Amino acid sequence: MKDQEEFYKKLKVQLADTALWPTAYLYKFIVPTDTIKIGQIETIFDNLGAVITTKKSKNGKYTSVSINVRMKNPDQVITKYKEVAVKVEGVISL
């Protein structure tokens, strides 16, 4: 848990230093191929005008979900990462 908080702290600093906010942000997640899990991620980004693309792995076992969405600030970016981590079992955030 502590490592995760450190990761989010570093990410916030990086985001604050590298972009003018609000800005478009690209999320990437890997999930086991399961329409329910993919749907859960899509629901989290509903009503934000997100462009969502999915691509199955070669063997079809996993699906990568890319989400391009305009975010207000680094805190909003991190909030969405945390929401996905809590709500979608087995997700890997990239």
PDB file of N, CA and C in Angstrom:
ATOM      1  N   MET A   1       0.818  -1.193   0.000  1.00  0.00           N
ATOM      2  CA  MET A   1       0.000   0.000   0.000  1.00  0.00           C
ATOM      3  C   MET A   1       0.866   1.263   0.000  1.00  0.00           C
ATOM      4  N   LYS A   2       1.937   1.224   0.810  1.00  0.00           N
ATOM      5  CA  LYS A   2       2.834   2.377   0.891  1.00  0.00           C
ATOM      6  C   LYS A   2       3.492   2.645  -0.474  1.00  0.00           C
ATOM      7  N   ASP A   3       3.900   1.571  -1.170  1.00  0.00           N
ATOM      8  CA  ASP A   3       4.508   1.726  -2.490  1.00  0.00           C
ATOM      9  C   ASP A   3       3.547   2.416  -3.457  1.00  0.00           C
ATOM     10  N   GLN A   4       2.277   2.032  -3.354  1.00  0.00           N
ATOM     11  CA  GLN A   4       1.275   2.612  -4.236  1.00  0.00           C
ATOM     12  C   GLN A   4       1.123   4.112  -3.976  1.00  0.00           C
ATOM     13  N   GLU A   5       1.105   4.498  -2.711  1.00  0.00           N
ATOM     14  CA  GLU A   5       0.995   5.918  -2.374  1.00  0.00           C
ATOM     15  C   GLU A   5       2.213   6.690  -2.883  1.00  0.00           C
ATOM     16  N   GLU A   6       3.398   6.087  -2.756  1.00  0.00           N
ATOM     17  CA  GLU A   6       4.618   6.716  -3.277  1.00  0.00           C
ATOM     18  C   GLU A   6       4.509   6.908  -4.785  1.00  0.00           C
ATOM     19  N   PHE A   7       4.018   5.869  -5.465  1.00  0.00           N
ATOM     20  CA  PHE A   7       3.837   5.927  -6.913  1.00  0.00           C
ATOM     21  C   PHE A   7       2.934   7.104  -7.277  1.00  0.00           C
ATOM     22  N   TYR A   8       1.800   7.242  -6.578  1.00  0.00           N
ATOM     23  CA  TYR A   8       0.855   8.320  -6.889  1.00  0.00           C
ATOM     24  C   TYR A   8       1.444   9.690  -6.587  1.00  0.00           C
ATOM     25  N   LYS A   9       2.241   9.794  -5.521  1.00  0.00           N
ATOM     26  CA  LYS A   9       2.893  11.065  -5.203  1.00  0.00           C
ATOM     27  C   LYS A   9       3.851  11.479  -6.316  1.00  0.00           C
ATOM     28  N   LYS A  10       4.667  10.513  -6.762  1.00  0.00           N
ATOM     29  CA  LYS A  10       5.620  10.799  -7.844  1.00  0.00           C
ATOM     30  C   LYS A  10       4.883  11.154  -9.126  1.00  0.00           C
ATOM     31  N   LEU A  11       3.820  10.411  -9.411  1.00  0.00           N
ATOM     32  CA  LEU A  11       3.041  10.662 -10.624  1.00  0.00           C
ATOM     33  C   LEU A  11       2.466  12.079 -10.596  1.00  0.00           C
ATOM     34  N   LYS A  12       1.964  12.497  -9.446  1.00  0.00           N
ATOM     35  CA  LYS A  12       1.378  13.833  -9.330  1.00  0.00           C
ATOM     36  C   LYS A  12       2.415  14.905  -9.635  1.00  0.00           C
ATOM     37  N   VAL A  13       3.610  14.747  -9.106  1.00  0.00           N
ATOM     38  CA  VAL A  13       4.686  15.710  -9.359  1.00  0.00           C
ATOM     39  C   VAL A  13       5.039  15.720 -10.848  1.00  0.00           C
ATOM     40  N   GLN A  14       5.166  14.520 -11.430  1.00  0.00           N
ATOM     41  CA  GLN A  14       5.494  14.432 -12.864  1.00  0.00           C
ATOM     42  C   GLN A  14       4.416  15.099 -13.709  1.00  0.00           C
ATOM     43  N   LEU A  15       3.176  14.810 -13.400  1.00  0.00           N
ATOM     44  CA  LEU A  15       2.076  15.387 -14.175  1.00  0.00           C
ATOM     45  C   LEU A  15       2.048  16.905 -14.045  1.00  0.00           C
ATOM     46  N   ALA A  16       2.267  17.389 -12.852  1.00  0.00           N
ATOM     47  CA  ALA A  16       2.252  18.836 -12.623  1.00  0.00           C
ATOM     48  C   ALA A  16       3.386  19.521 -13.377  1.00  0.00           C
ATOM     49  N   ASP A  17       4.522  18.830 -13.481  1.00  0.00           N
ATOM     50  CA  ASP A  17       5.706  19.415 -14.123  1.00  0.00           C
ATOM     51  C   ASP A  17       5.686  19.325 -15.651  1.00  0.00           C
ATOM     52  N   THR A  18       4.932  18.379 -16.191  1.00  0.00           N
ATOM     53  CA  THR A  18       5.070  18.103 -17.629  1.00  0.00           C
ATOM     54  C   THR A  18       3.900  18.555 -18.484  1.00  0.00           C
ATOM     55  N   ALA A  19       2.829  19.059 -17.881  1.00  0.00           N
ATOM     56  CA  ALA A  19       1.677  19.430 -18.695  1.00  0.00           C
ATOM     57  C   ALA A  19       1.030  20.709 -18.175  1.00  0.00           C
ATOM     58  N   LEU A  20       0.372  21.395 -19.086  1.00  0.00           N
ATOM     59  CA  LEU A  20      -0.460  22.535 -18.714  1.00  0.00           C
ATOM     60  C   LEU A  20      -1.877  21.994 -18.576  1.00  0.00           C
ATOM     61  N   TRP A  21      -2.475  22.234 -17.436  1.00  0.00           N
ATOM     62  CA  TRP A  21      -3.799  21.660 -17.163  1.00  0.00           C
ATOM     63  C   TRP A  21      -4.884  22.690 -17.408  1.00  0.00           C
ATOM     64  N   PRO A  22      -6.089  22.276 -17.840  1.00  0.00           N
ATOM     65  CA  PRO A  22      -6.493  20.912 -18.203  1.00  0.00           C
ATOM     66  C   PRO A  22      -5.803  20.444 -19.483  1.00  0.00           C
ATOM     67  N   THR A  23      -5.662  19.124 -19.627  1.00  0.00           N
ATOM     68  CA  THR A  23      -5.005  18.559 -20.797  1.00  0.00           C
ATOM     69  C   THR A  23      -5.551  17.166 -21.089  1.00  0.00           C
ATOM     70  N   ALA A  24      -5.279  16.692 -22.298  1.00  0.00           N
ATOM     71  CA  ALA A  24      -5.659  15.318 -22.650  1.00  0.00           C
ATOM     72  C   ALA A  24      -4.671  14.376 -21.966  1.00  0.00           C
ATOM     73  N   TYR A  25      -5.191  13.290 -21.424  1.00  0.00           N
ATOM     74  CA  TYR A  25      -4.350  12.302 -20.743  1.00  0.00           C
ATOM     75  C   TYR A  25      -4.691  10.929 -21.289  1.00  0.00           C
ATOM     76  N   LEU A  26      -3.656  10.113 -21.507  1.00  0.00           N
ATOM     77  CA  LEU A  26      -3.871   8.764 -22.027  1.00  0.00           C
ATOM     78  C   LEU A  26      -3.643   7.742 -20.918  1.00  0.00           C
ATOM     79  N   TYR A  27      -4.720   7.071 -20.539  1.00  0.00           N
ATOM     80  CA  TYR A  27      -4.641   5.960 -19.584  1.00  0.00           C
ATOM     81  C   TYR A  27      -4.454   4.673 -20.369  1.00  0.00           C
ATOM     82  N   LYS A  28      -3.693   3.746 -19.795  1.00  0.00           N
ATOM     83  CA  LYS A  28      -3.584   2.408 -20.387  1.00  0.00           C
ATOM     84  C   LYS A  28      -3.751   1.393 -19.272  1.00  0.00           C
ATOM     85  N   PHE A  29      -4.637   0.449 -19.531  1.00  0.00           N
ATOM     86  CA  PHE A  29      -4.882  -0.625 -18.574  1.00  0.00           C
ATOM     87  C   PHE A  29      -4.821  -1.959 -19.305  1.00  0.00           C
ATOM     88  N   ILE A  30      -4.411  -2.991 -18.597  1.00  0.00           N
ATOM     89  CA  ILE A  30      -4.457  -4.359 -19.110  1.00  0.00           C
ATOM     90  C   ILE A  30      -5.398  -5.128 -18.190  1.00  0.00           C
ATOM     91  N   VAL A  31      -6.366  -5.819 -18.780  1.00  0.00           N
ATOM     92  CA  VAL A  31      -7.289  -6.637 -17.983  1.00  0.00           C
ATOM     93  C   VAL A  31      -7.423  -8.002 -18.629  1.00  0.00           C
ATOM     94  N   PRO A  32      -7.734  -9.017 -17.813  1.00  0.00           N
ATOM     95  CA  PRO A  32      -8.078 -10.305 -18.419  1.00  0.00           C
ATOM     96  C   PRO A  32      -9.264 -10.062 -19.357  1.00  0.00           C
ATOM     97  N   THR A  33      -9.254 -10.693 -20.530  1.00  0.00           N
ATOM     98  CA  THR A  33     -10.320 -10.464 -21.500  1.00  0.00           C
ATOM     99  C   THR A  33     -11.644 -10.932 -20.913  1.00  0.00           C
ATOM    100  N   ASP A  34     -12.479  -9.968 -20.604  1.00  0.00           N
ATOM    101  CA  ASP A  34     -13.761 -10.218 -19.957  1.00  0.00           C
ATOM    102  C   ASP A  34     -14.605  -8.970 -20.190  1.00  0.00           C
ATOM    103  N   THR A  35     -15.716  -9.123 -20.885  1.00  0.00           N
ATOM    104  CA  THR A  35     -16.528  -7.950 -21.239  1.00  0.00           C
ATOM    105  C   THR A  35     -17.001  -7.194 -20.003  1.00  0.00           C
ATOM    106  N   ILE A  36     -17.192  -7.897 -18.897  1.00  0.00           N
ATOM    107  CA  ILE A  36     -17.631  -7.223 -17.661  1.00  0.00           C
ATOM    108  C   ILE A  36     -16.532  -6.292 -17.160  1.00  0.00           C
ATOM    109  N   LYS A  37     -15.280  -6.787 -17.111  1.00  0.00           N
ATOM    110  CA  LYS A  37     -14.162  -5.953 -16.619  1.00  0.00           C
ATOM    111  C   LYS A  37     -13.937  -4.749 -17.540  1.00  0.00           C
ATOM    112  N   ILE A  38     -13.991  -4.987 -18.835  1.00  0.00           N
ATOM    113  CA  ILE A  38     -13.803  -3.887 -19.792  1.00  0.00           C
ATOM    114  C   ILE A  38     -14.931  -2.870 -19.621  1.00  0.00           C
ATOM    115  N   GLY A  39     -16.145  -3.364 -19.445  1.00  0.00           N
ATOM    116  CA  GLY A  39     -17.301  -2.491 -19.218  1.00  0.00           C
ATOM    117  C   GLY A  39     -17.165  -1.672 -17.947  1.00  0.00           C
ATOM    118  N   GLN A  40     -16.591  -2.277 -16.898  1.00  0.00           N
ATOM    119  CA  GLN A  40     -16.391  -1.552 -15.635  1.00  0.00           C
ATOM    120  C   GLN A  40     -15.461  -0.359 -15.855  1.00  0.00           C
ATOM    121  N   ILE A  41     -14.392  -0.583 -16.609  1.00  0.00           N
ATOM    122  CA  ILE A  41     -13.455   0.520 -16.897  1.00  0.00           C
ATOM    123  C   ILE A  41     -14.168   1.600 -17.704  1.00  0.00           C
ATOM    124  N   GLU A  42     -14.909   1.181 -18.737  1.00  0.00           N
ATOM    125  CA  GLU A  42     -15.609   2.157 -19.575  1.00  0.00           C
ATOM    126  C   GLU A  42     -16.601   2.981 -18.751  1.00  0.00           C
ATOM    127  N   THR A  43     -17.280   2.339 -17.809  1.00  0.00           N
ATOM    128  CA  THR A  43     -18.251   3.035 -16.962  1.00  0.00           C
ATOM    129  C   THR A  43     -17.580   4.098 -16.100  1.00  0.00           C
ATOM    130  N   ILE A  44     -16.388   3.803 -15.597  1.00  0.00           N
ATOM    131  CA  ILE A  44     -15.656   4.762 -14.752  1.00  0.00           C
ATOM    132  C   ILE A  44     -15.356   6.053 -15.520  1.00  0.00           C
ATOM    133  N   PHE A  45     -15.182   5.930 -16.836  1.00  0.00           N
ATOM    134  CA  PHE A  45     -14.847   7.108 -17.650  1.00  0.00           C
ATOM    135  C   PHE A  45     -16.051   7.656 -18.416  1.00  0.00           C
ATOM    136  N   ASP A  46     -17.254   7.138 -18.095  1.00  0.00           N
ATOM    137  CA  ASP A  46     -18.487   7.632 -18.716  1.00  0.00           C
ATOM    138  C   ASP A  46     -18.660   9.118 -18.466  1.00  0.00           C
ATOM    139  N   ASN A  47     -19.307   9.781 -19.391  1.00  0.00           N
ATOM    140  CA  ASN A  47     -19.666  11.195 -19.256  1.00  0.00           C
ATOM    141  C   ASN A  47     -18.466  12.135 -19.172  1.00  0.00           C
ATOM    142  N   LEU A  48     -17.300  11.675 -19.590  1.00  0.00           N
ATOM    143  CA  LEU A  48     -16.130  12.558 -19.605  1.00  0.00           C
ATOM    144  C   LEU A  48     -15.681  12.850 -21.032  1.00  0.00           C
ATOM    145  N   GLY A  49     -16.409  12.322 -22.003  1.00  0.00           N
ATOM    146  CA  GLY A  49     -16.022  12.521 -23.398  1.00  0.00           C
ATOM    147  C   GLY A  49     -14.777  11.737 -23.771  1.00  0.00           C
ATOM    148  N   ALA A  50     -14.549  10.617 -23.091  1.00  0.00           N
ATOM    149  CA  ALA A  50     -13.344   9.815 -23.319  1.00  0.00           C
ATOM    150  C   ALA A  50     -13.428   9.050 -24.639  1.00  0.00           C
ATOM    151  N   VAL A  51     -12.276   8.916 -25.297  1.00  0.00           N
ATOM    152  CA  VAL A  51     -12.154   8.054 -26.468  1.00  0.00           C
ATOM    153  C   VAL A  51     -11.498   6.767 -25.980  1.00  0.00           C
ATOM    154  N   ILE A  52     -12.234   5.670 -26.074  1.00  0.00           N
ATOM    155  CA  ILE A  52     -11.768   4.402 -25.523  1.00  0.00           C
ATOM    156  C   ILE A  52     -11.528   3.410 -26.648  1.00  0.00           C
ATOM    157  N   THR A  53     -10.321   2.815 -26.654  1.00  0.00           N
ATOM    158  CA  THR A  53     -10.018   1.772 -27.633  1.00  0.00           C
ATOM    159  C   THR A  53      -9.543   0.530 -26.893  1.00  0.00           C
ATOM    160  N   THR A  54      -9.901  -0.625 -27.437  1.00  0.00           N
ATOM    161  CA  THR A  54      -9.479  -1.882 -26.824  1.00  0.00           C
ATOM    162  C   THR A  54      -8.763  -2.726 -27.860  1.00  0.00           C
ATOM    163  N   LYS A  55      -7.836  -3.532 -27.392  1.00  0.00           N
ATOM    164  CA  LYS A  55      -7.089  -4.416 -28.289  1.00  0.00           C
ATOM    165  C   LYS A  55      -6.756  -5.689 -27.524  1.00  0.00           C
ATOM    166  N   LYS A  56      -7.152  -6.826 -28.100  1.00  0.00           N
ATOM    167  CA  LYS A  56      -6.853  -8.110 -27.455  1.00  0.00           C
ATOM    168  C   LYS A  56      -5.404  -8.505 -27.692  1.00  0.00           C
ATOM    169  N   SER A  57      -4.845  -9.229 -26.726  1.00  0.00           N
ATOM    170  CA  SER A  57      -3.490  -9.752 -26.885  1.00  0.00           C
ATOM    171  C   SER A  57      -3.508 -10.848 -27.957  1.00  0.00           C
ATOM    172  N   LYS A  58      -2.320 -11.259 -28.355  1.00  0.00           N
ATOM    173  CA  LYS A  58      -2.198 -12.246 -29.421  1.00  0.00           C
ATOM    174  C   LYS A  58      -3.004 -13.515 -29.130  1.00  0.00           C
ATOM    175  N   ASN A  59      -2.917 -13.998 -27.903  1.00  0.00           N
ATOM    176  CA  ASN A  59      -3.632 -15.230 -27.558  1.00  0.00           C
ATOM    177  C   ASN A  59      -5.052 -14.964 -27.056  1.00  0.00           C
ATOM    178  N   GLY A  60      -5.429 -13.694 -26.965  1.00  0.00           N
ATOM    179  CA  GLY A  60      -6.792 -13.342 -26.574  1.00  0.00           C
ATOM    180  C   GLY A  60      -7.063 -13.408 -25.087  1.00  0.00           C
ATOM    181  N   LYS A  61      -6.038 -13.715 -24.294  1.00  0.00           N
ATOM    182  CA  LYS A  61      -6.226 -13.876 -22.851  1.00  0.00           C
ATOM    183  C   LYS A  61      -6.393 -12.523 -22.145  1.00  0.00           C
ATOM    184  N   TYR A  62      -5.748 -11.498 -22.680  1.00  0.00           N
ATOM    185  CA  TYR A  62      -5.793 -10.165 -22.079  1.00  0.00           C
ATOM    186  C   TYR A  62      -6.256  -9.137 -23.100  1.00  0.00           C
ATOM    187  N   THR A  63      -6.780  -8.041 -22.598  1.00  0.00           N
ATOM    188  CA  THR A  63      -7.186  -6.933 -23.451  1.00  0.00           C
ATOM    189  C   THR A  63      -6.566  -5.660 -22.904  1.00  0.00           C
ATOM    190  N   SER A  64      -5.985  -4.875 -23.807  1.00  0.00           N
ATOM    191  CA  SER A  64      -5.480  -3.571 -23.379  1.00  0.00           C
ATOM    192  C   SER A  64      -6.583  -2.553 -23.656  1.00  0.00           C
ATOM    193  N   VAL A  65      -6.782  -1.672 -22.696  1.00  0.00           N
ATOM    194  CA  VAL A  65      -7.801  -0.639 -22.801  1.00  0.00           C
ATOM    195  C   VAL A  65      -7.079   0.702 -22.730  1.00  0.00           C
ATOM    196  N   SER A  66      -7.183   1.478 -23.811  1.00  0.00           N
ATOM    197  CA  SER A  66      -6.576   2.818 -23.850  1.00  0.00           C
ATOM    198  C   SER A  66      -7.702   3.838 -23.774  1.00  0.00           C
ATOM    199  N   ILE A  67      -7.509   4.827 -22.934  1.00  0.00           N
ATOM    200  CA  ILE A  67      -8.536   5.842 -22.734  1.00  0.00           C
ATOM    201  C   ILE A  67      -7.894   7.209 -22.866  1.00  0.00           C
ATOM    202  N   ASN A  68      -8.329   7.953 -23.870  1.00  0.00           N
ATOM    203  CA  ASN A  68      -7.828   9.305 -24.061  1.00  0.00           C
ATOM    204  C   ASN A  68      -8.927  10.256 -23.615  1.00  0.00           C
ATOM    205  N   VAL A  69      -8.622  11.039 -22.603  1.00  0.00           N
ATOM    206  CA  VAL A  69      -9.655  11.887 -22.013  1.00  0.00           C
ATOM    207  C   VAL A  69      -9.044  13.181 -21.490  1.00  0.00           C
ATOM    208  N   ARG A  70      -9.806  14.249 -21.566  1.00  0.00           N
ATOM    209  CA  ARG A  70      -9.345  15.543 -21.055  1.00  0.00           C
ATOM    210  C   ARG A  70      -9.573  15.576 -19.543  1.00  0.00           C
ATOM    211  N   MET A  71      -8.521  15.830 -18.811  1.00  0.00           N
ATOM    212  CA  MET A  71      -8.603  15.869 -17.355  1.00  0.00           C
ATOM    213  C   MET A  71      -8.272  17.278 -16.865  1.00  0.00           C
ATOM    214  N   LYS A  72      -8.882  17.648 -15.733  1.00  0.00           N
ATOM    215  CA  LYS A  72      -8.727  19.006 -15.188  1.00  0.00           C
ATOM    216  C   LYS A  72      -7.365  19.242 -14.569  1.00  0.00           C
ATOM    217  N   ASN A  73      -6.863  18.209 -13.833  1.00  0.00           N
ATOM    218  CA  ASN A  73      -5.621  18.402 -13.086  1.00  0.00           C
ATOM    219  C   ASN A  73      -5.040  17.034 -12.692  1.00  0.00           C
ATOM    220  N   PRO A  74      -3.807  17.021 -12.180  1.00  0.00           N
ATOM    221  CA  PRO A  74      -3.185  15.741 -11.784  1.00  0.00           C
ATOM    222  C   PRO A  74      -4.009  14.961 -10.760  1.00  0.00           C
ATOM    223  N   ASP A  75      -4.672  15.660  -9.845  1.00  0.00           N
ATOM    224  CA  ASP A  75      -5.490  14.961  -8.839  1.00  0.00           C
ATOM    225  C   ASP A  75      -6.614  14.162  -9.489  1.00  0.00           C
ATOM    226  N   GLN A  76      -7.232  14.735 -10.523  1.00  0.00           N
ATOM    227  CA  GLN A  76      -8.318  14.035 -11.204  1.00  0.00           C
ATOM    228  C   GLN A  76      -7.784  12.782 -11.907  1.00  0.00           C
ATOM    229  N   VAL A  77      -6.593  12.877 -12.487  1.00  0.00           N
ATOM    230  CA  VAL A  77      -5.964  11.727 -13.141  1.00  0.00           C
ATOM    231  C   VAL A  77      -5.765  10.603 -12.123  1.00  0.00           C
ATOM    232  N   ILE A  78      -5.196  10.943 -10.985  1.00  0.00           N
ATOM    233  CA  ILE A  78      -4.879   9.946  -9.949  1.00  0.00           C
ATOM    234  C   ILE A  78      -6.153   9.351  -9.350  1.00  0.00           C
ATOM    235  N   THR A  79      -7.176  10.173  -9.168  1.00  0.00           N
ATOM    236  CA  THR A  79      -8.456   9.678  -8.646  1.00  0.00           C
ATOM    237  C   THR A  79      -9.005   8.574  -9.543  1.00  0.00           C
ATOM    238  N   LYS A  80      -8.919   8.757 -10.849  1.00  0.00           N
ATOM    239  CA  LYS A  80      -9.425   7.743 -11.784  1.00  0.00           C
ATOM    240  C   LYS A  80      -8.590   6.469 -11.721  1.00  0.00           C
ATOM    241  N   TYR A  81      -7.265   6.604 -11.605  1.00  0.00           N
ATOM    242  CA  TYR A  81      -6.417   5.412 -11.460  1.00  0.00           C
ATOM    243  C   TYR A  81      -6.842   4.611 -10.230  1.00  0.00           C
ATOM    244  N   LYS A  82      -7.055   5.319  -9.120  1.00  0.00           N
ATOM    245  CA  LYS A  82      -7.430   4.648  -7.874  1.00  0.00           C
ATOM    246  C   LYS A  82      -8.799   3.988  -7.996  1.00  0.00           C
ATOM    247  N   GLU A  83      -9.727   4.673  -8.652  1.00  0.00           N
ATOM    248  CA  GLU A  83     -11.077   4.125  -8.829  1.00  0.00           C
ATOM    249  C   GLU A  83     -11.033   2.828  -9.635  1.00  0.00           C
ATOM    250  N   VAL A  84     -10.255   2.828 -10.708  1.00  0.00           N
ATOM    251  CA  VAL A  84     -10.122   1.616 -11.524  1.00  0.00           C
ATOM    252  C   VAL A  84      -9.491   0.495 -10.697  1.00  0.00           C
ATOM    253  N   ALA A  85      -8.436   0.820  -9.949  1.00  0.00           N
ATOM    254  CA  ALA A  85      -7.739  -0.194  -9.148  1.00  0.00           C
ATOM    255  C   ALA A  85      -8.678  -0.850  -8.128  1.00  0.00           C
ATOM    256  N   VAL A  86      -9.579  -0.065  -7.556  1.00  0.00           N
ATOM    257  CA  VAL A  86     -10.497  -0.578  -6.536  1.00  0.00           C
ATOM    258  C   VAL A  86     -11.647  -1.371  -7.159  1.00  0.00           C
ATOM    259  N   LYS A  87     -12.176  -0.889  -8.279  1.00  0.00           N
ATOM    260  CA  LYS A  87     -13.409  -1.455  -8.829  1.00  0.00           C
ATOM    261  C   LYS A  87     -13.201  -2.611  -9.802  1.00  0.00           C
ATOM    262  N   VAL A  88     -12.022  -2.687 -10.430  1.00  0.00           N
ATOM    263  CA  VAL A  88     -11.813  -3.689 -11.477  1.00  0.00           C
ATOM    264  C   VAL A  88     -10.763  -4.689 -11.016  1.00  0.00           C
ATOM    265  N   GLU A  89     -11.218  -5.892 -10.696  1.00  0.00           N
ATOM    266  CA  GLU A  89     -10.322  -6.935 -10.191  1.00  0.00           C
ATOM    267  C   GLU A  89      -9.370  -7.391 -11.279  1.00  0.00           C
ATOM    268  N   GLY A  90      -8.089  -7.528 -10.928  1.00  0.00           N
ATOM    269  CA  GLY A  90      -7.103  -8.059 -11.865  1.00  0.00           C
ATOM    270  C   GLY A  90      -6.564  -7.064 -12.874  1.00  0.00           C
ATOM    271  N   VAL A  91      -6.883  -5.784 -12.704  1.00  0.00           N
ATOM    272  CA  VAL A  91      -6.429  -4.778 -13.654  1.00  0.00           C
ATOM    273  C   VAL A  91      -4.966  -4.422 -13.400  1.00  0.00           C
ATOM    274  N   ILE A  92      -4.248  -4.134 -14.478  1.00  0.00           N
ATOM    275  CA  ILE A  92      -2.878  -3.633 -14.388  1.00  0.00           C
ATOM    276  C   ILE A  92      -2.890  -2.238 -15.016  1.00  0.00           C
ATOM    277  N   SER A  93      -2.443  -1.252 -14.258  1.00  0.00           N
ATOM    278  CA  SER A  93      -2.361   0.117 -14.765  1.00  0.00           C
ATOM    279  C   SER A  93      -0.968   0.356 -15.309  1.00  0.00           C
ATOM    280  N   LEU A  94      -0.893   0.925 -16.497  1.00  0.00           N
ATOM    281  CA  LEU A  94       0.411   1.224 -17.097  1.00  0.00           C
ATOM    282  C   LEU A  94       0.652   2.720 -17.094  1.00  0.00           C
TER     283      LEU A  94
END
